[in-house]
Amino acid sequence: RSSDLVAYGVLGSSRDKDWIDENAPVLLEEPVLLTIGQKYQKSPAQVAMRYLLQRGIVVLAKSFTPERIQQNLQVFDLQLASEDMTAIDELNRNMRYLDLKTGSDHPEYPFHDEY
């Protein structure tokens, strides 16, 4: 039996202070994603989603804006080069955008583990 890894909040979620530390970096303003996006004529969001897909991670991206919904689907005509994947790998800040502390007393709460 196998499991698929699913990415939630792949674009850093909203900047609502109840959800995200206000000091957390803004993913879609990350210079590396901006540069790679220019190279492929894609948005930083599309680059971030494609990166996860190429790593075999299921991407859940939500939007209410028809234009963004369409853009979210335009990641399948793109293949990031290995040097771009490595550049994004190097952005790892060993942090979580969403800790979802409201469920931290549940016995199956997954975020007590080190990351």
PDB file of N, CA and C in Angstrom:
ATOM      1  N   ARG A   1       0.845  -1.171   0.000  1.00  0.00           N
ATOM      2  CA  ARG A   1       0.000   0.000   0.000  1.00  0.00           C
ATOM      3  C   ARG A   1       0.893   1.238   0.000  1.00  0.00           C
ATOM      4  N   SER A   2       0.539   2.215  -0.805  1.00  0.00           N
ATOM      5  CA  SER A   2       1.350   3.425  -0.865  1.00  0.00           C
ATOM      6  C   SER A   2       0.502   4.647  -0.526  1.00  0.00           C
ATOM      7  N   SER A   3       1.177   5.705  -0.195  1.00  0.00           N
ATOM      8  CA  SER A   3       0.511   6.963   0.130  1.00  0.00           C
ATOM      9  C   SER A   3       1.082   8.056  -0.745  1.00  0.00           C
ATOM     10  N   ASP A   4       0.252   9.020  -1.068  1.00  0.00           N
ATOM     11  CA  ASP A   4       0.707  10.177  -1.823  1.00  0.00           C
ATOM     12  C   ASP A   4       0.869  11.350  -0.872  1.00  0.00           C
ATOM     13  N   LEU A   5       1.950  12.078  -1.029  1.00  0.00           N
ATOM     14  CA  LEU A   5       2.184  13.271  -0.246  1.00  0.00           C
ATOM     15  C   LEU A   5       1.398  14.409  -0.881  1.00  0.00           C
ATOM     16  N   VAL A   6       0.639  15.140  -0.068  1.00  0.00           N
ATOM     17  CA  VAL A   6      -0.197  16.225  -0.568  1.00  0.00           C
ATOM     18  C   VAL A   6       0.278  17.526   0.062  1.00  0.00           C
ATOM     19  N   ALA A   7       0.482  18.537  -0.785  1.00  0.00           N
ATOM     20  CA  ALA A   7       0.902  19.851  -0.302  1.00  0.00           C
ATOM     21  C   ALA A   7      -0.323  20.732  -0.120  1.00  0.00           C
ATOM     22  N   TYR A   8      -0.474  21.276   1.068  1.00  0.00           N
ATOM     23  CA  TYR A   8      -1.570  22.171   1.401  1.00  0.00           C
ATOM     24  C   TYR A   8      -0.993  23.566   1.636  1.00  0.00           C
ATOM     25  N   GLY A   9      -1.663  24.572   1.120  1.00  0.00           N
ATOM     26  CA  GLY A   9      -1.150  25.934   1.280  1.00  0.00           C
ATOM     27  C   GLY A   9       0.141  26.127   0.504  1.00  0.00           C
ATOM     28  N   VAL A  10       0.193  25.594  -0.707  1.00  0.00           N
ATOM     29  CA  VAL A  10       1.438  25.553  -1.482  1.00  0.00           C
ATOM     30  C   VAL A  10       1.979  26.925  -1.846  1.00  0.00           C
ATOM     31  N   LEU A  11       1.133  27.931  -1.823  1.00  0.00           N
ATOM     32  CA  LEU A  11       1.592  29.265  -2.206  1.00  0.00           C
ATOM     33  C   LEU A  11       1.771  30.165  -0.987  1.00  0.00           C
ATOM     34  N   GLY A  12       1.856  29.553   0.182  1.00  0.00           N
ATOM     35  CA  GLY A  12       2.101  30.313   1.392  1.00  0.00           C
ATOM     36  C   GLY A  12       0.838  30.777   2.077  1.00  0.00           C
ATOM     37  N   SER A  13      -0.316  30.449   1.556  1.00  0.00           N
ATOM     38  CA  SER A  13      -1.610  30.799   2.122  1.00  0.00           C
ATOM     39  C   SER A  13      -1.779  32.310   2.177  1.00  0.00           C
ATOM     40  N   SER A  14      -2.858  32.733   2.789  1.00  0.00           N
ATOM     41  CA  SER A  14      -3.104  34.170   2.905  1.00  0.00           C
ATOM     42  C   SER A  14      -2.168  34.751   3.952  1.00  0.00           C
ATOM     43  N   ARG A  15      -2.096  36.034   4.023  1.00  0.00           N
ATOM     44  CA  ARG A  15      -1.217  36.684   4.989  1.00  0.00           C
ATOM     45  C   ARG A  15      -1.979  37.052   6.267  1.00  0.00           C
ATOM     46  N   ASP A  16      -3.094  36.414   6.504  1.00  0.00           N
ATOM     47  CA  ASP A  16      -3.901  36.669   7.690  1.00  0.00           C
ATOM     48  C   ASP A  16      -3.090  36.335   8.936  1.00  0.00           C
ATOM     49  N   LYS A  17      -2.987  37.286   9.870  1.00  0.00           N
ATOM     50  CA  LYS A  17      -2.153  37.087  11.068  1.00  0.00           C
ATOM     51  C   LYS A  17      -2.628  35.938  11.941  1.00  0.00           C
ATOM     52  N   ASP A  18      -3.883  35.528  11.779  1.00  0.00           N
ATOM     53  CA  ASP A  18      -4.380  34.383  12.540  1.00  0.00           C
ATOM     54  C   ASP A  18      -3.904  33.060  11.938  1.00  0.00           C
ATOM     55  N   TRP A  19      -3.395  33.100  10.715  1.00  0.00           N
ATOM     56  CA  TRP A  19      -2.945  31.890  10.031  1.00  0.00           C
ATOM     57  C   TRP A  19      -1.430  31.803   9.920  1.00  0.00           C
ATOM     58  N   ILE A  20      -0.796  32.947   9.655  1.00  0.00           N
ATOM     59  CA  ILE A  20       0.632  32.955   9.327  1.00  0.00           C
ATOM     60  C   ILE A  20       1.347  34.013  10.161  1.00  0.00           C
ATOM     61  N   ASP A  21       2.535  33.678  10.601  1.00  0.00           N
ATOM     62  CA  ASP A  21       3.388  34.650  11.283  1.00  0.00           C
ATOM     63  C   ASP A  21       3.655  35.794  10.306  1.00  0.00           C
ATOM     64  N   GLU A  22       3.386  37.006  10.733  1.00  0.00           N
ATOM     65  CA  GLU A  22       3.568  38.173   9.858  1.00  0.00           C
ATOM     66  C   GLU A  22       5.019  38.351   9.424  1.00  0.00           C
ATOM     67  N   ASN A  23       5.956  37.734  10.142  1.00  0.00           N
ATOM     68  CA  ASN A  23       7.370  37.831   9.789  1.00  0.00           C
ATOM     69  C   ASN A  23       7.806  36.749   8.805  1.00  0.00           C
ATOM     70  N   ALA A  24       6.900  35.836   8.472  1.00  0.00           N
ATOM     71  CA  ALA A  24       7.237  34.769   7.527  1.00  0.00           C
ATOM     72  C   ALA A  24       7.482  35.377   6.150  1.00  0.00           C
ATOM     73  N   PRO A  25       8.411  34.811   5.399  1.00  0.00           N
ATOM     74  CA  PRO A  25       8.677  35.337   4.059  1.00  0.00           C
ATOM     75  C   PRO A  25       7.448  35.201   3.161  1.00  0.00           C
ATOM     76  N   VAL A  26       7.341  36.093   2.199  1.00  0.00           N
ATOM     77  CA  VAL A  26       6.242  36.051   1.227  1.00  0.00           C
ATOM     78  C   VAL A  26       6.723  35.210   0.045  1.00  0.00           C
ATOM     79  N   LEU A  27       6.208  33.999  -0.044  1.00  0.00           N
ATOM     80  CA  LEU A  27       6.684  33.042  -1.044  1.00  0.00           C
ATOM     81  C   LEU A  27       6.650  33.604  -2.461  1.00  0.00           C
ATOM     82  N   LEU A  28       5.573  34.264  -2.835  1.00  0.00           N
ATOM     83  CA  LEU A  28       5.415  34.720  -4.215  1.00  0.00           C
ATOM     84  C   LEU A  28       6.259  35.944  -4.550  1.00  0.00           C
ATOM     85  N   GLU A  29       7.000  36.453  -3.562  1.00  0.00           N
ATOM     86  CA  GLU A  29       7.944  37.547  -3.804  1.00  0.00           C
ATOM     87  C   GLU A  29       9.393  37.063  -3.763  1.00  0.00           C
ATOM     88  N   GLU A  30       9.583  35.761  -3.641  1.00  0.00           N
ATOM     89  CA  GLU A  30      10.916  35.170  -3.554  1.00  0.00           C
ATOM     90  C   GLU A  30      11.673  35.418  -4.862  1.00  0.00           C
ATOM     91  N   PRO A  31      12.838  36.107  -4.814  1.00  0.00           N
ATOM     92  CA  PRO A  31      13.580  36.422  -6.043  1.00  0.00           C
ATOM     93  C   PRO A  31      13.917  35.210  -6.909  1.00  0.00           C
ATOM     94  N   VAL A  32      14.243  34.083  -6.298  1.00  0.00           N
ATOM     95  CA  VAL A  32      14.579  32.891  -7.089  1.00  0.00           C
ATOM     96  C   VAL A  32      13.370  32.456  -7.920  1.00  0.00           C
ATOM     97  N   LEU A  33      12.182  32.449  -7.321  1.00  0.00           N
ATOM     98  CA  LEU A  33      10.982  32.068  -8.068  1.00  0.00           C
ATOM     99  C   LEU A  33      10.665  33.087  -9.150  1.00  0.00           C
ATOM    100  N   LEU A  34      10.884  34.362  -8.853  1.00  0.00           N
ATOM    101  CA  LEU A  34      10.652  35.408  -9.850  1.00  0.00           C
ATOM    102  C   LEU A  34      11.579  35.229 -11.053  1.00  0.00           C
ATOM    103  N   THR A  35      12.859  34.965 -10.789  1.00  0.00           N
ATOM    104  CA  THR A  35      13.844  34.787 -11.862  1.00  0.00           C
ATOM    105  C   THR A  35      13.527  33.558 -12.707  1.00  0.00           C
ATOM    106  N   ILE A  36      13.228  32.454 -12.058  1.00  0.00           N
ATOM    107  CA  ILE A  36      12.892  31.228 -12.792  1.00  0.00           C
ATOM    108  C   ILE A  36      11.607  31.444 -13.583  1.00  0.00           C
ATOM    109  N   GLY A  37      10.652  32.122 -13.001  1.00  0.00           N
ATOM    110  CA  GLY A  37       9.410  32.416 -13.706  1.00  0.00           C
ATOM    111  C   GLY A  37       9.643  33.226 -14.971  1.00  0.00           C
ATOM    112  N   GLN A  38      10.521  34.214 -14.903  1.00  0.00           N
ATOM    113  CA  GLN A  38      10.847  35.013 -16.089  1.00  0.00           C
ATOM    114  C   GLN A  38      11.472  34.138 -17.170  1.00  0.00           C
ATOM    115  N   LYS A  39      12.313  33.232 -16.764  1.00  0.00           N
ATOM    116  CA  LYS A  39      12.983  32.323 -17.704  1.00  0.00           C
ATOM    117  C   LYS A  39      11.970  31.513 -18.513  1.00  0.00           C
ATOM    118  N   TYR A  40      10.915  31.055 -17.861  1.00  0.00           N
ATOM    119  CA  TYR A  40       9.908  30.206 -18.501  1.00  0.00           C
ATOM    120  C   TYR A  40       8.629  30.958 -18.870  1.00  0.00           C
ATOM    121  N   GLN A  41       8.607  32.271 -18.617  1.00  0.00           N
ATOM    122  CA  GLN A  41       7.417  33.093 -18.830  1.00  0.00           C
ATOM    123  C   GLN A  41       6.225  32.547 -18.032  1.00  0.00           C
ATOM    124  N   LYS A  42       6.491  32.283 -16.753  1.00  0.00           N
ATOM    125  CA  LYS A  42       5.491  31.776 -15.824  1.00  0.00           C
ATOM    126  C   LYS A  42       5.523  32.627 -14.554  1.00  0.00           C
ATOM    127  N   SER A  43       4.461  32.571 -13.800  1.00  0.00           N
ATOM    128  CA  SER A  43       4.397  33.316 -12.535  1.00  0.00           C
ATOM    129  C   SER A  43       5.165  32.554 -11.454  1.00  0.00           C
ATOM    130  N   PRO A  44       5.546  33.246 -10.370  1.00  0.00           N
ATOM    131  CA  PRO A  44       6.182  32.541  -9.256  1.00  0.00           C
ATOM    132  C   PRO A  44       5.287  31.421  -8.712  1.00  0.00           C
ATOM    133  N   ALA A  45       3.970  31.636  -8.714  1.00  0.00           N
ATOM    134  CA  ALA A  45       3.036  30.602  -8.249  1.00  0.00           C
ATOM    135  C   ALA A  45       3.123  29.367  -9.135  1.00  0.00           C
ATOM    136  N   GLN A  46       3.177  29.569 -10.435  1.00  0.00           N
ATOM    137  CA  GLN A  46       3.273  28.435 -11.356  1.00  0.00           C
ATOM    138  C   GLN A  46       4.592  27.695 -11.172  1.00  0.00           C
ATOM    139  N   VAL A  47       5.664  28.422 -10.952  1.00  0.00           N
ATOM    140  CA  VAL A  47       6.970  27.785 -10.723  1.00  0.00           C
ATOM    141  C   VAL A  47       6.929  26.961  -9.439  1.00  0.00           C
ATOM    142  N   ALA A  48       6.361  27.524  -8.373  1.00  0.00           N
ATOM    143  CA  ALA A  48       6.287  26.811  -7.095  1.00  0.00           C
ATOM    144  C   ALA A  48       5.457  25.537  -7.235  1.00  0.00           C
ATOM    145  N   MET A  49       4.324  25.628  -7.916  1.00  0.00           N
ATOM    146  CA  MET A  49       3.478  24.441  -8.090  1.00  0.00           C
ATOM    147  C   MET A  49       4.172  23.391  -8.957  1.00  0.00           C
ATOM    148  N   ARG A  50       4.836  23.842 -10.026  1.00  0.00           N
ATOM    149  CA  ARG A  50       5.521  22.889 -10.905  1.00  0.00           C
ATOM    150  C   ARG A  50       6.653  22.184 -10.166  1.00  0.00           C
ATOM    151  N   TYR A  51       7.354  22.919  -9.326  1.00  0.00           N
ATOM    152  CA  TYR A  51       8.429  22.334  -8.521  1.00  0.00           C
ATOM    153  C   TYR A  51       7.903  21.168  -7.687  1.00  0.00           C
ATOM    154  N   LEU A  52       6.794  21.390  -7.008  1.00  0.00           N
ATOM    155  CA  LEU A  52       6.215  20.327  -6.186  1.00  0.00           C
ATOM    156  C   LEU A  52       5.763  19.147  -7.033  1.00  0.00           C
ATOM    157  N   LEU A  53       5.118  19.428  -8.155  1.00  0.00           N
ATOM    158  CA  LEU A  53       4.664  18.351  -9.038  1.00  0.00           C
ATOM    159  C   LEU A  53       5.840  17.507  -9.525  1.00  0.00           C
ATOM    160  N   GLN A  54       6.934  18.147  -9.883  1.00  0.00           N
ATOM    161  CA  GLN A  54       8.108  17.401 -10.350  1.00  0.00           C
ATOM    162  C   GLN A  54       8.733  16.571  -9.244  1.00  0.00           C
ATOM    163  N   ARG A  55       8.453  16.912  -8.003  1.00  0.00           N
ATOM    164  CA  ARG A  55       8.929  16.109  -6.867  1.00  0.00           C
ATOM    165  C   ARG A  55       7.941  15.010  -6.520  1.00  0.00           C
ATOM    166  N   GLY A  56       6.843  14.907  -7.274  1.00  0.00           N
ATOM    167  CA  GLY A  56       5.867  13.855  -7.045  1.00  0.00           C
ATOM    168  C   GLY A  56       4.872  14.176  -5.951  1.00  0.00           C
ATOM    169  N   ILE A  57       4.718  15.449  -5.634  1.00  0.00           N
ATOM    170  CA  ILE A  57       3.807  15.880  -4.574  1.00  0.00           C
ATOM    171  C   ILE A  57       2.511  16.379  -5.200  1.00  0.00           C
ATOM    172  N   VAL A  58       1.387  15.924  -4.665  1.00  0.00           N
ATOM    173  CA  VAL A  58       0.084  16.384  -5.129  1.00  0.00           C
ATOM    174  C   VAL A  58      -0.100  17.822  -4.655  1.00  0.00           C
ATOM    175  N   VAL A  59      -0.499  18.701  -5.552  1.00  0.00           N
ATOM    176  CA  VAL A  59      -0.637  20.124  -5.244  1.00  0.00           C
ATOM    177  C   VAL A  59      -2.108  20.496  -5.124  1.00  0.00           C
ATOM    178  N   LEU A  60      -2.472  21.056  -3.973  1.00  0.00           N
ATOM    179  CA  LEU A  60      -3.819  21.590  -3.780  1.00  0.00           C
ATOM    180  C   LEU A  60      -3.702  23.107  -3.765  1.00  0.00           C
ATOM    181  N   ALA A  61      -4.182  23.732  -4.812  1.00  0.00           N
ATOM    182  CA  ALA A  61      -4.146  25.197  -4.889  1.00  0.00           C
ATOM    183  C   ALA A  61      -5.574  25.680  -5.071  1.00  0.00           C
ATOM    184  N   LYS A  62      -5.956  26.648  -4.263  1.00  0.00           N
ATOM    185  CA  LYS A  62      -7.311  27.156  -4.393  1.00  0.00           C
ATOM    186  C   LYS A  62      -7.275  28.611  -4.826  1.00  0.00           C
ATOM    187  N   SER A  63      -8.322  28.984  -5.516  1.00  0.00           N
ATOM    188  CA  SER A  63      -8.487  30.373  -5.903  1.00  0.00           C
ATOM    189  C   SER A  63      -9.953  30.593  -6.228  1.00  0.00           C
ATOM    190  N   PHE A  64     -10.383  31.820  -6.059  1.00  0.00           N
ATOM    191  CA  PHE A  64     -11.735  32.204  -6.445  1.00  0.00           C
ATOM    192  C   PHE A  64     -11.699  33.046  -7.718  1.00  0.00           C
ATOM    193  N   THR A  65     -10.501  33.393  -8.166  1.00  0.00           N
ATOM    194  CA  THR A  65     -10.319  34.246  -9.325  1.00  0.00           C
ATOM    195  C   THR A  65     -10.178  33.389 -10.582  1.00  0.00           C
ATOM    196  N   PRO A  66     -11.099  33.527 -11.538  1.00  0.00           N
ATOM    197  CA  PRO A  66     -11.031  32.700 -12.757  1.00  0.00           C
ATOM    198  C   PRO A  66      -9.670  32.741 -13.453  1.00  0.00           C
ATOM    199  N   GLU A  67      -9.044  33.902 -13.506  1.00  0.00           N
ATOM    200  CA  GLU A  67      -7.735  34.010 -14.160  1.00  0.00           C
ATOM    201  C   GLU A  67      -6.682  33.167 -13.436  1.00  0.00           C
ATOM    202  N   ARG A  68      -6.695  33.193 -12.124  1.00  0.00           N
ATOM    203  CA  ARG A  68      -5.723  32.405 -11.353  1.00  0.00           C
ATOM    204  C   ARG A  68      -6.017  30.916 -11.445  1.00  0.00           C
ATOM    205  N   ILE A  69      -7.274  30.558 -11.471  1.00  0.00           N
ATOM    206  CA  ILE A  69      -7.631  29.142 -11.643  1.00  0.00           C
ATOM    207  C   ILE A  69      -7.053  28.634 -12.957  1.00  0.00           C
ATOM    208  N   GLN A  70      -7.198  29.437 -14.014  1.00  0.00           N
ATOM    209  CA  GLN A  70      -6.643  29.065 -15.327  1.00  0.00           C
ATOM    210  C   GLN A  70      -5.123  28.963 -15.252  1.00  0.00           C
ATOM    211  N   GLN A  71      -4.492  29.919 -14.594  1.00  0.00           N
ATOM    212  CA  GLN A  71      -3.023  29.882 -14.449  1.00  0.00           C
ATOM    213  C   GLN A  71      -2.569  28.644 -13.681  1.00  0.00           C
ATOM    214  N   ASN A  72      -3.342  28.256 -12.668  1.00  0.00           N
ATOM    215  CA  ASN A  72      -2.983  27.070 -11.880  1.00  0.00           C
ATOM    216  C   ASN A  72      -2.960  25.815 -12.733  1.00  0.00           C
ATOM    217  N   LEU A  73      -3.734  25.814 -13.806  1.00  0.00           N
ATOM    218  CA  LEU A  73      -3.767  24.656 -14.698  1.00  0.00           C
ATOM    219  C   LEU A  73      -2.657  24.698 -15.752  1.00  0.00           C
ATOM    220  N   GLN A  74      -1.990  25.824 -15.859  1.00  0.00           N
ATOM    221  CA  GLN A  74      -0.959  25.981 -16.883  1.00  0.00           C
ATOM    222  C   GLN A  74       0.434  25.649 -16.351  1.00  0.00           C
ATOM    223  N   VAL A  75       0.516  24.600 -15.574  1.00  0.00           N
ATOM    224  CA  VAL A  75       1.809  24.145 -15.059  1.00  0.00           C
ATOM    225  C   VAL A  75       2.227  22.822 -15.700  1.00  0.00           C
ATOM    226  N   PHE A  76       1.386  22.293 -16.555  1.00  0.00           N
ATOM    227  CA  PHE A  76       1.664  20.982 -17.147  1.00  0.00           C
ATOM    228  C   PHE A  76       2.393  21.090 -18.479  1.00  0.00           C
ATOM    229  N   ASP A  77       2.572  22.319 -18.979  1.00  0.00           N
ATOM    230  CA  ASP A  77       3.316  22.525 -20.216  1.00  0.00           C
ATOM    231  C   ASP A  77       4.744  22.989 -19.915  1.00  0.00           C
ATOM    232  N   LEU A  78       5.188  22.727 -18.717  1.00  0.00           N
ATOM    233  CA  LEU A  78       6.460  23.225 -18.223  1.00  0.00           C
ATOM    234  C   LEU A  78       7.239  22.092 -17.579  1.00  0.00           C
ATOM    235  N   GLN A  79       8.529  22.084 -17.794  1.00  0.00           N
ATOM    236  CA  GLN A  79       9.428  21.145 -17.115  1.00  0.00           C
ATOM    237  C   GLN A  79      10.610  21.964 -16.617  1.00  0.00           C
ATOM    238  N   LEU A  80      10.763  22.059 -15.308  1.00  0.00           N
ATOM    239  CA  LEU A  80      11.875  22.821 -14.750  1.00  0.00           C
ATOM    240  C   LEU A  80      13.178  22.053 -14.943  1.00  0.00           C
ATOM    241  N   ALA A  81      14.220  22.769 -15.342  1.00  0.00           N
ATOM    242  CA  ALA A  81      15.543  22.162 -15.510  1.00  0.00           C
ATOM    243  C   ALA A  81      16.101  21.785 -14.141  1.00  0.00           C
ATOM    244  N   SER A  82      17.028  20.851 -14.127  1.00  0.00           N
ATOM    245  CA  SER A  82      17.586  20.373 -12.856  1.00  0.00           C
ATOM    246  C   SER A  82      18.235  21.503 -12.061  1.00  0.00           C
ATOM    247  N   GLU A  83      18.880  22.457 -12.741  1.00  0.00           N
ATOM    248  CA  GLU A  83      19.496  23.566 -12.004  1.00  0.00           C
ATOM    249  C   GLU A  83      18.439  24.471 -11.352  1.00  0.00           C
ATOM    250  N   ASP A  84      17.263  24.562 -11.971  1.00  0.00           N
ATOM    251  CA  ASP A  84      16.174  25.338 -11.371  1.00  0.00           C
ATOM    252  C   ASP A  84      15.601  24.601 -10.158  1.00  0.00           C
ATOM    253  N   MET A  85      15.473  23.300 -10.278  1.00  0.00           N
ATOM    254  CA  MET A  85      14.995  22.497  -9.142  1.00  0.00           C
ATOM    255  C   MET A  85      15.968  22.638  -7.963  1.00  0.00           C
ATOM    256  N   THR A  86      17.262  22.591  -8.248  1.00  0.00           N
ATOM    257  CA  THR A  86      18.280  22.733  -7.202  1.00  0.00           C
ATOM    258  C   THR A  86      18.212  24.117  -6.567  1.00  0.00           C
ATOM    259  N   ALA A  87      18.030  25.148  -7.380  1.00  0.00           N
ATOM    260  CA  ALA A  87      17.941  26.514  -6.845  1.00  0.00           C
ATOM    261  C   ALA A  87      16.754  26.642  -5.897  1.00  0.00           C
ATOM    262  N   ILE A  88      15.655  26.003  -6.240  1.00  0.00           N
ATOM    263  CA  ILE A  88      14.480  26.052  -5.367  1.00  0.00           C
ATOM    264  C   ILE A  88      14.716  25.196  -4.120  1.00  0.00           C
ATOM    265  N   ASP A  89      15.357  24.051  -4.285  1.00  0.00           N
ATOM    266  CA  ASP A  89      15.718  23.212  -3.123  1.00  0.00           C
ATOM    267  C   ASP A  89      16.486  24.032  -2.088  1.00  0.00           C
ATOM    268  N   GLU A  90      17.361  24.894  -2.556  1.00  0.00           N
ATOM    269  CA  GLU A  90      18.224  25.666  -1.669  1.00  0.00           C
ATOM    270  C   GLU A  90      17.480  26.769  -0.915  1.00  0.00           C
ATOM    271  N   LEU A  91      16.205  26.966  -1.225  1.00  0.00           N
ATOM    272  CA  LEU A  91      15.398  27.959  -0.504  1.00  0.00           C
ATOM    273  C   LEU A  91      14.878  27.426   0.829  1.00  0.00           C
ATOM    274  N   ASN A  92      15.094  26.165   1.105  1.00  0.00           N
ATOM    275  CA  ASN A  92      14.572  25.554   2.321  1.00  0.00           C
ATOM    276  C   ASN A  92      14.971  26.361   3.554  1.00  0.00           C
ATOM    277  N   ARG A  93      13.968  26.805   4.298  1.00  0.00           N
ATOM    278  CA  ARG A  93      14.205  27.583   5.521  1.00  0.00           C
ATOM    279  C   ARG A  93      13.830  26.792   6.762  1.00  0.00           C
ATOM    280  N   ASN A  94      13.525  25.501   6.578  1.00  0.00           N
ATOM    281  CA  ASN A  94      13.196  24.619   7.694  1.00  0.00           C
ATOM    282  C   ASN A  94      12.102  25.228   8.576  1.00  0.00           C
ATOM    283  N   MET A  95      11.009  25.637   7.944  1.00  0.00           N
ATOM    284  CA  MET A  95       9.902  26.262   8.659  1.00  0.00           C
ATOM    285  C   MET A  95       8.580  25.777   8.083  1.00  0.00           C
ATOM    286  N   ARG A  96       7.516  26.035   8.813  1.00  0.00           N
ATOM    287  CA  ARG A  96       6.162  25.758   8.341  1.00  0.00           C
ATOM    288  C   ARG A  96       5.400  27.068   8.274  1.00  0.00           C
ATOM    289  N   TYR A  97       4.665  27.260   7.204  1.00  0.00           N
ATOM    290  CA  TYR A  97       3.777  28.422   7.131  1.00  0.00           C
ATOM    291  C   TYR A  97       2.574  28.211   8.036  1.00  0.00           C
ATOM    292  N   LEU A  98       2.033  27.014   8.024  1.00  0.00           N
ATOM    293  CA  LEU A  98       0.827  26.717   8.787  1.00  0.00           C
ATOM    294  C   LEU A  98       1.124  25.648   9.825  1.00  0.00           C
ATOM    295  N   ASP A  99       1.018  25.991  11.089  1.00  0.00           N
ATOM    296  CA  ASP A  99       1.191  25.000  12.151  1.00  0.00           C
ATOM    297  C   ASP A  99      -0.145  24.432  12.601  1.00  0.00           C
ATOM    298  N   LEU A 100      -1.231  25.119  12.281  1.00  0.00           N
ATOM    299  CA  LEU A 100      -2.584  24.681  12.641  1.00  0.00           C
ATOM    300  C   LEU A 100      -2.658  24.297  14.116  1.00  0.00           C
ATOM    301  N   LYS A 101      -2.261  25.184  14.960  1.00  0.00           N
ATOM    302  CA  LYS A 101      -2.174  24.928  16.400  1.00  0.00           C
ATOM    303  C   LYS A 101      -3.526  24.619  17.038  1.00  0.00           C
ATOM    304  N   THR A 102      -4.625  24.945  16.347  1.00  0.00           N
ATOM    305  CA  THR A 102      -5.945  24.674  16.926  1.00  0.00           C
ATOM    306  C   THR A 102      -6.159  23.192  17.184  1.00  0.00           C
ATOM    307  N   GLY A 103      -5.459  22.326  16.494  1.00  0.00           N
ATOM    308  CA  GLY A 103      -5.612  20.890  16.697  1.00  0.00           C
ATOM    309  C   GLY A 103      -4.453  20.263  17.435  1.00  0.00           C
ATOM    310  N   SER A 104      -3.602  21.063  18.058  1.00  0.00           N
ATOM    311  CA  SER A 104      -2.362  20.541  18.641  1.00  0.00           C
ATOM    312  C   SER A 104      -2.575  19.591  19.813  1.00  0.00           C
ATOM    313  N   ASP A 105      -3.770  19.577  20.400  1.00  0.00           N
ATOM    314  CA  ASP A 105      -4.019  18.650  21.505  1.00  0.00           C
ATOM    315  C   ASP A 105      -4.546  17.299  21.029  1.00  0.00           C
ATOM    316  N   HIS A 106      -4.742  17.165  19.711  1.00  0.00           N
ATOM    317  CA  HIS A 106      -5.218  15.891  19.156  1.00  0.00           C
ATOM    318  C   HIS A 106      -4.064  14.889  19.143  1.00  0.00           C
ATOM    319  N   PRO A 107      -4.332  13.615  19.476  1.00  0.00           N
ATOM    320  CA  PRO A 107      -3.241  12.620  19.526  1.00  0.00           C
ATOM    321  C   PRO A 107      -2.584  12.362  18.169  1.00  0.00           C
ATOM    322  N   GLU A 108      -3.269  12.674  17.074  1.00  0.00           N
ATOM    323  CA  GLU A 108      -2.692  12.458  15.746  1.00  0.00           C
ATOM    324  C   GLU A 108      -2.163  13.747  15.118  1.00  0.00           C
ATOM    325  N   TYR A 109      -2.056  14.821  15.887  1.00  0.00           N
ATOM    326  CA  TYR A 109      -1.526  16.098  15.396  1.00  0.00           C
ATOM    327  C   TYR A 109      -0.128  15.851  14.834  1.00  0.00           C
ATOM    328  N   PRO A 110       0.080  16.150  13.539  1.00  0.00           N
ATOM    329  CA  PRO A 110       1.352  15.743  12.898  1.00  0.00           C
ATOM    330  C   PRO A 110       2.511  16.680  13.104  1.00  0.00           C
ATOM    331  N   PHE A 111       2.291  17.870  13.671  1.00  0.00           N
ATOM    332  CA  PHE A 111       3.354  18.868  13.668  1.00  0.00           C
ATOM    333  C   PHE A 111       4.165  18.922  14.966  1.00  0.00           C
ATOM    334  N   HIS A 112       4.026  17.918  15.825  1.00  0.00           N
ATOM    335  CA  HIS A 112       4.900  17.862  16.989  1.00  0.00           C
ATOM    336  C   HIS A 112       6.273  17.326  16.578  1.00  0.00           C
ATOM    337  N   ASP A 113       6.328  16.628  15.458  1.00  0.00           N
ATOM    338  CA  ASP A 113       7.587  16.065  14.976  1.00  0.00           C
ATOM    339  C   ASP A 113       8.497  17.189  14.453  1.00  0.00           C
ATOM    340  N   GLU A 114       9.788  17.007  14.606  1.00  0.00           N
ATOM    341  CA  GLU A 114      10.759  17.959  14.053  1.00  0.00           C
ATOM    342  C   GLU A 114      10.668  17.954  12.543  1.00  0.00           C
ATOM    343  N   TYR A 115      10.991  19.054  11.947  1.00  0.00           N
ATOM    344  CA  TYR A 115      11.010  19.174  10.481  1.00  0.00           C
ATOM    345  C   TYR A 115      12.299  19.761  10.018  1.00  0.00           C
TER     346      TYR A 115
END
